[in-house]
Amino acid sequence: RSDRGTAFTSHTFEAECKEFGIKHILNAVATPRANGQCERLNRTLLSSLAATCAGEEENRWDQSGKK
């Protein structure tokens, strides 16, 4: 589930969802509260990623935790 931002309505994004079997649902227009659960999860994931990457080089976040 996502808002109707261009990142989520592009043909590329739609193709990726189809390739991985993801059912993508768009929220209704002008209802930001509908995205609250996703936004909260994003905040939790970013917080966890920041803690995991603490002390790592800024541009190497993708390699954190692979030690």
PDB file of N, CA and C in Angstrom:
ATOM      1  N   ARG A   1       0.852  -1.170   0.000  1.00  0.00           N
ATOM      2  CA  ARG A   1       0.000   0.000   0.000  1.00  0.00           C
ATOM      3  C   ARG A   1       0.893   1.226   0.000  1.00  0.00           C
ATOM      4  N   SER A   2       0.539   2.185  -0.824  1.00  0.00           N
ATOM      5  CA  SER A   2       1.323   3.414  -0.872  1.00  0.00           C
ATOM      6  C   SER A   2       0.443   4.585  -1.279  1.00  0.00           C
ATOM      7  N   ASP A   3       1.036   5.769  -1.157  1.00  0.00           N
ATOM      8  CA  ASP A   3       0.344   6.942  -1.668  1.00  0.00           C
ATOM      9  C   ASP A   3       0.510   6.967  -3.186  1.00  0.00           C
ATOM     10  N   ARG A   4       0.049   8.003  -3.796  1.00  0.00           N
ATOM     11  CA  ARG A   4       0.084   8.078  -5.256  1.00  0.00           C
ATOM     12  C   ARG A   4       1.260   8.901  -5.770  1.00  0.00           C
ATOM     13  N   GLY A   5       2.357   8.878  -5.029  1.00  0.00           N
ATOM     14  CA  GLY A   5       3.566   9.560  -5.474  1.00  0.00           C
ATOM     15  C   GLY A   5       4.077   8.944  -6.766  1.00  0.00           C
ATOM     16  N   THR A   6       4.779   9.755  -7.544  1.00  0.00           N
ATOM     17  CA  THR A   6       5.247   9.281  -8.850  1.00  0.00           C
ATOM     18  C   THR A   6       6.176   8.076  -8.742  1.00  0.00           C
ATOM     19  N   ALA A   7       6.863   7.945  -7.622  1.00  0.00           N
ATOM     20  CA  ALA A   7       7.748   6.785  -7.441  1.00  0.00           C
ATOM     21  C   ALA A   7       6.958   5.481  -7.396  1.00  0.00           C
ATOM     22  N   PHE A   8       5.683   5.564  -7.002  1.00  0.00           N
ATOM     23  CA  PHE A   8       4.862   4.360  -6.854  1.00  0.00           C
ATOM     24  C   PHE A   8       3.881   4.152  -8.001  1.00  0.00           C
ATOM     25  N   THR A   9       3.832   5.082  -8.933  1.00  0.00           N
ATOM     26  CA  THR A   9       2.900   4.946 -10.052  1.00  0.00           C
ATOM     27  C   THR A   9       3.620   4.811 -11.391  1.00  0.00           C
ATOM     28  N   SER A  10       4.927   4.709 -11.355  1.00  0.00           N
ATOM     29  CA  SER A  10       5.701   4.594 -12.597  1.00  0.00           C
ATOM     30  C   SER A  10       5.557   3.198 -13.201  1.00  0.00           C
ATOM     31  N   HIS A  11       5.800   3.114 -14.480  1.00  0.00           N
ATOM     32  CA  HIS A  11       5.751   1.813 -15.165  1.00  0.00           C
ATOM     33  C   HIS A  11       6.832   0.875 -14.630  1.00  0.00           C
ATOM     34  N   THR A  12       7.986   1.446 -14.283  1.00  0.00           N
ATOM     35  CA  THR A  12       9.083   0.630 -13.743  1.00  0.00           C
ATOM     36  C   THR A  12       8.669  -0.016 -12.430  1.00  0.00           C
ATOM     37  N   PHE A  13       8.065   0.767 -11.533  1.00  0.00           N
ATOM     38  CA  PHE A  13       7.629   0.246 -10.239  1.00  0.00           C
ATOM     39  C   PHE A  13       6.557  -0.823 -10.432  1.00  0.00           C
ATOM     40  N   GLU A  14       5.621  -0.560 -11.316  1.00  0.00           N
ATOM     41  CA  GLU A  14       4.565  -1.539 -11.585  1.00  0.00           C
ATOM     42  C   GLU A  14       5.151  -2.848 -12.119  1.00  0.00           C
ATOM     43  N   ALA A  15       6.150  -2.738 -12.986  1.00  0.00           N
ATOM     44  CA  ALA A  15       6.790  -3.936 -13.545  1.00  0.00           C
ATOM     45  C   ALA A  15       7.514  -4.732 -12.463  1.00  0.00           C
ATOM     46  N   GLU A  16       8.192  -4.038 -11.550  1.00  0.00           N
ATOM     47  CA  GLU A  16       8.891  -4.718 -10.448  1.00  0.00           C
ATOM     48  C   GLU A  16       7.895  -5.434  -9.542  1.00  0.00           C
ATOM     49  N   CYS A  17       6.796  -4.779  -9.233  1.00  0.00           N
ATOM     50  CA  CYS A  17       5.771  -5.423  -8.400  1.00  0.00           C
ATOM     51  C   CYS A  17       5.254  -6.686  -9.076  1.00  0.00           C
ATOM     52  N   LYS A  18       4.987  -6.588 -10.357  1.00  0.00           N
ATOM     53  CA  LYS A  18       4.487  -7.748 -11.101  1.00  0.00           C
ATOM     54  C   LYS A  18       5.514  -8.874 -11.101  1.00  0.00           C
ATOM     55  N   GLU A  19       6.783  -8.525 -11.329  1.00  0.00           N
ATOM     56  CA  GLU A  19       7.848  -9.530 -11.379  1.00  0.00           C
ATOM     57  C   GLU A  19       7.973 -10.297 -10.070  1.00  0.00           C
ATOM     58  N   PHE A  20       7.804  -9.606  -8.941  1.00  0.00           N
ATOM     59  CA  PHE A  20       7.965 -10.242  -7.633  1.00  0.00           C
ATOM     60  C   PHE A  20       6.640 -10.686  -7.017  1.00  0.00           C
ATOM     61  N   GLY A  21       5.559 -10.592  -7.765  1.00  0.00           N
ATOM     62  CA  GLY A  21       4.265 -11.045  -7.284  1.00  0.00           C
ATOM     63  C   GLY A  21       3.686 -10.190  -6.172  1.00  0.00           C
ATOM     64  N   ILE A  22       3.989  -8.904  -6.202  1.00  0.00           N
ATOM     65  CA  ILE A  22       3.516  -7.982  -5.170  1.00  0.00           C
ATOM     66  C   ILE A  22       2.220  -7.334  -5.628  1.00  0.00           C
ATOM     67  N   LYS A  23       1.197  -7.419  -4.790  1.00  0.00           N
ATOM     68  CA  LYS A  23      -0.066  -6.748  -5.085  1.00  0.00           C
ATOM     69  C   LYS A  23       0.032  -5.338  -4.514  1.00  0.00           C
ATOM     70  N   HIS A  24       0.148  -4.360  -5.386  1.00  0.00           N
ATOM     71  CA  HIS A  24       0.319  -2.972  -4.965  1.00  0.00           C
ATOM     72  C   HIS A  24      -1.032  -2.283  -4.931  1.00  0.00           C
ATOM     73  N   ILE A  25      -1.348  -1.680  -3.796  1.00  0.00           N
ATOM     74  CA  ILE A  25      -2.607  -0.977  -3.616  1.00  0.00           C
ATOM     75  C   ILE A  25      -2.300   0.493  -3.389  1.00  0.00           C
ATOM     76  N   LEU A  26      -2.988   1.358  -4.119  1.00  0.00           N
ATOM     77  CA  LEU A  26      -2.817   2.797  -3.959  1.00  0.00           C
ATOM     78  C   LEU A  26      -3.874   3.340  -3.010  1.00  0.00           C
ATOM     79  N   ASN A  27      -3.454   4.215  -2.105  1.00  0.00           N
ATOM     80  CA  ASN A  27      -4.393   4.867  -1.196  1.00  0.00           C
ATOM     81  C   ASN A  27      -5.270   5.842  -1.962  1.00  0.00           C
ATOM     82  N   ALA A  28      -6.413   6.141  -1.382  1.00  0.00           N
ATOM     83  CA  ALA A  28      -7.292   7.149  -1.961  1.00  0.00           C
ATOM     84  C   ALA A  28      -6.602   8.510  -1.912  1.00  0.00           C
ATOM     85  N   VAL A  29      -6.948   9.369  -2.833  1.00  0.00           N
ATOM     86  CA  VAL A  29      -6.368  10.709  -2.895  1.00  0.00           C
ATOM     87  C   VAL A  29      -6.752  11.502  -1.647  1.00  0.00           C
ATOM     88  N   ALA A  30      -5.816  12.291  -1.139  1.00  0.00           N
ATOM     89  CA  ALA A  30      -6.026  13.207  -0.006  1.00  0.00           C
ATOM     90  C   ALA A  30      -6.393  12.484   1.293  1.00  0.00           C
ATOM     91  N   THR A  31      -5.830  11.300   1.525  1.00  0.00           N
ATOM     92  CA  THR A  31      -6.063  10.577   2.778  1.00  0.00           C
ATOM     93  C   THR A  31      -4.732  10.113   3.361  1.00  0.00           C
ATOM     94  N   PRO A  32      -3.903  11.048   3.836  1.00  0.00           N
ATOM     95  CA  PRO A  32      -2.587  10.658   4.350  1.00  0.00           C
ATOM     96  C   PRO A  32      -2.657   9.721   5.550  1.00  0.00           C
ATOM     97  N   ARG A  33      -3.732   9.772   6.309  1.00  0.00           N
ATOM     98  CA  ARG A  33      -3.821   8.888   7.481  1.00  0.00           C
ATOM     99  C   ARG A  33      -3.904   7.416   7.076  1.00  0.00           C
ATOM    100  N   ALA A  34      -4.319   7.154   5.846  1.00  0.00           N
ATOM    101  CA  ALA A  34      -4.393   5.777   5.355  1.00  0.00           C
ATOM    102  C   ALA A  34      -3.011   5.154   5.247  1.00  0.00           C
ATOM    103  N   ASN A  35      -1.993   5.969   5.185  1.00  0.00           N
ATOM    104  CA  ASN A  35      -0.633   5.472   5.041  1.00  0.00           C
ATOM    105  C   ASN A  35       0.097   5.424   6.383  1.00  0.00           C
ATOM    106  N   GLY A  36      -0.580   5.680   7.464  1.00  0.00           N
ATOM    107  CA  GLY A  36       0.048   5.767   8.780  1.00  0.00           C
ATOM    108  C   GLY A  36       0.811   4.523   9.198  1.00  0.00           C
ATOM    109  N   GLN A  37       0.256   3.350   8.981  1.00  0.00           N
ATOM    110  CA  GLN A  37       0.913   2.111   9.382  1.00  0.00           C
ATOM    111  C   GLN A  37       2.212   1.914   8.600  1.00  0.00           C
ATOM    112  N   CYS A  38       2.182   2.200   7.313  1.00  0.00           N
ATOM    113  CA  CYS A  38       3.403   2.082   6.496  1.00  0.00           C
ATOM    114  C   CYS A  38       4.448   3.093   6.938  1.00  0.00           C
ATOM    115  N   GLU A  39       4.020   4.317   7.218  1.00  0.00           N
ATOM    116  CA  GLU A  39       4.964   5.350   7.649  1.00  0.00           C
ATOM    117  C   GLU A  39       5.607   4.972   8.979  1.00  0.00           C
ATOM    118  N   ARG A  40       4.841   4.372   9.875  1.00  0.00           N
ATOM    119  CA  ARG A  40       5.385   3.959  11.174  1.00  0.00           C
ATOM    120  C   ARG A  40       6.411   2.848  10.987  1.00  0.00           C
ATOM    121  N   LEU A  41       6.122   1.903  10.119  1.00  0.00           N
ATOM    122  CA  LEU A  41       7.080   0.833   9.835  1.00  0.00           C
ATOM    123  C   LEU A  41       8.356   1.412   9.231  1.00  0.00           C
ATOM    124  N   ASN A  42       8.218   2.357   8.310  1.00  0.00           N
ATOM    125  CA  ASN A  42       9.400   2.992   7.725  1.00  0.00           C
ATOM    126  C   ASN A  42      10.251   3.656   8.795  1.00  0.00           C
ATOM    127  N   ARG A  43       9.613   4.328   9.751  1.00  0.00           N
ATOM    128  CA  ARG A  43      10.357   4.985  10.831  1.00  0.00           C
ATOM    129  C   ARG A  43      11.105   3.954  11.664  1.00  0.00           C
ATOM    130  N   THR A  44      10.471   2.824  11.952  1.00  0.00           N
ATOM    131  CA  THR A  44      11.111   1.756  12.719  1.00  0.00           C
ATOM    132  C   THR A  44      12.295   1.171  11.949  1.00  0.00           C
ATOM    133  N   LEU A  45      12.115   0.920  10.661  1.00  0.00           N
ATOM    134  CA  LEU A  45      13.199   0.366   9.843  1.00  0.00           C
ATOM    135  C   LEU A  45      14.382   1.324   9.748  1.00  0.00           C
ATOM    136  N   LEU A  46      14.105   2.606   9.556  1.00  0.00           N
ATOM    137  CA  LEU A  46      15.189   3.588   9.477  1.00  0.00           C
ATOM    138  C   LEU A  46      15.943   3.687  10.793  1.00  0.00           C
ATOM    139  N   SER A  47      15.219   3.621  11.901  1.00  0.00           N
ATOM    140  CA  SER A  47      15.850   3.662  13.215  1.00  0.00           C
ATOM    141  C   SER A  47      16.752   2.445  13.415  1.00  0.00           C
ATOM    142  N   SER A  48      16.265   1.273  13.032  1.00  0.00           N
ATOM    143  CA  SER A  48      17.056   0.045  13.155  1.00  0.00           C
ATOM    144  C   SER A  48      18.282   0.087  12.255  1.00  0.00           C
ATOM    145  N   LEU A  49      18.117   0.580  11.047  1.00  0.00           N
ATOM    146  CA  LEU A  49      19.235   0.690  10.118  1.00  0.00           C
ATOM    147  C   LEU A  49      20.286   1.659  10.648  1.00  0.00           C
ATOM    148  N   ALA A  50      19.839   2.772  11.214  1.00  0.00           N
ATOM    149  CA  ALA A  50      20.776   3.746  11.777  1.00  0.00           C
ATOM    150  C   ALA A  50      21.574   3.131  12.919  1.00  0.00           C
ATOM    151  N   ALA A  51      20.916   2.351  13.772  1.00  0.00           N
ATOM    152  CA  ALA A  51      21.610   1.705  14.888  1.00  0.00           C
ATOM    153  C   ALA A  51      22.603   0.661  14.382  1.00  0.00           C
ATOM    154  N   THR A  52      22.222  -0.085  13.366  1.00  0.00           N
ATOM    155  CA  THR A  52      23.099  -1.104  12.792  1.00  0.00           C
ATOM    156  C   THR A  52      24.326  -0.485  12.135  1.00  0.00           C
ATOM    157  N   CYS A  53      24.140   0.667  11.540  1.00  0.00           N
ATOM    158  CA  CYS A  53      25.214   1.324  10.786  1.00  0.00           C
ATOM    159  C   CYS A  53      26.066   2.264  11.629  1.00  0.00           C
ATOM    160  N   ALA A  54      25.755   2.402  12.892  1.00  0.00           N
ATOM    161  CA  ALA A  54      26.509   3.326  13.738  1.00  0.00           C
ATOM    162  C   ALA A  54      27.995   2.997  13.668  1.00  0.00           C
ATOM    163  N   GLY A  55      28.797   3.996  13.391  1.00  0.00           N
ATOM    164  CA  GLY A  55      30.236   3.811  13.315  1.00  0.00           C
ATOM    165  C   GLY A  55      30.739   3.365  11.956  1.00  0.00           C
ATOM    166  N   GLU A  56      29.847   3.096  11.032  1.00  0.00           N
ATOM    167  CA  GLU A  56      30.242   2.679   9.679  1.00  0.00           C
ATOM    168  C   GLU A  56      30.457   3.914   8.811  1.00  0.00           C
ATOM    169  N   GLU A  57      31.177   3.727   7.712  1.00  0.00           N
ATOM    170  CA  GLU A  57      31.310   4.811   6.750  1.00  0.00           C
ATOM    171  C   GLU A  57      29.926   5.149   6.211  1.00  0.00           C
ATOM    172  N   GLU A  58      29.661   6.424   6.065  1.00  0.00           N
ATOM    173  CA  GLU A  58      28.333   6.883   5.669  1.00  0.00           C
ATOM    174  C   GLU A  58      27.848   6.278   4.352  1.00  0.00           C
ATOM    175  N   ASN A  59      28.731   6.098   3.404  1.00  0.00           N
ATOM    176  CA  ASN A  59      28.306   5.609   2.095  1.00  0.00           C
ATOM    177  C   ASN A  59      28.353   4.088   1.969  1.00  0.00           C
ATOM    178  N   ARG A  60      28.524   3.366   3.065  1.00  0.00           N
ATOM    179  CA  ARG A  60      28.603   1.903   3.016  1.00  0.00           C
ATOM    180  C   ARG A  60      27.486   1.232   3.818  1.00  0.00           C
ATOM    181  N   TRP A  61      26.343   1.876   3.953  1.00  0.00           N
ATOM    182  CA  TRP A  61      25.252   1.329   4.751  1.00  0.00           C
ATOM    183  C   TRP A  61      24.796  -0.039   4.240  1.00  0.00           C
ATOM    184  N   ASP A  62      24.930  -0.283   2.941  1.00  0.00           N
ATOM    185  CA  ASP A  62      24.482  -1.553   2.372  1.00  0.00           C
ATOM    186  C   ASP A  62      25.358  -2.729   2.782  1.00  0.00           C
ATOM    187  N   GLN A  63      26.540  -2.456   3.310  1.00  0.00           N
ATOM    188  CA  GLN A  63      27.455  -3.511   3.732  1.00  0.00           C
ATOM    189  C   GLN A  63      27.386  -3.781   5.239  1.00  0.00           C
ATOM    190  N   SER A  64      26.685  -2.943   5.989  1.00  0.00           N
ATOM    191  CA  SER A  64      26.586  -3.133   7.438  1.00  0.00           C
ATOM    192  C   SER A  64      25.916  -4.455   7.762  1.00  0.00           C
ATOM    193  N   GLY A  65      26.394  -5.106   8.779  1.00  0.00           N
ATOM    194  CA  GLY A  65      25.803  -6.354   9.223  1.00  0.00           C
ATOM    195  C   GLY A  65      26.243  -7.570   8.433  1.00  0.00           C
ATOM    196  N   LYS A  66      27.102  -7.395   7.446  1.00  0.00           N
ATOM    197  CA  LYS A  66      27.565  -8.527   6.642  1.00  0.00           C
ATOM    198  C   LYS A  66      28.893  -9.064   7.134  1.00  0.00           C
ATOM    199  N   LYS A  67      29.319  -8.614   8.297  1.00  0.00           N
ATOM    200  CA  LYS A  67      30.617  -9.032   8.841  1.00  0.00           C
ATOM    201  C   LYS A  67      30.557 -10.418   9.417  1.00  0.00           C
TER     202      LYS A  67
END
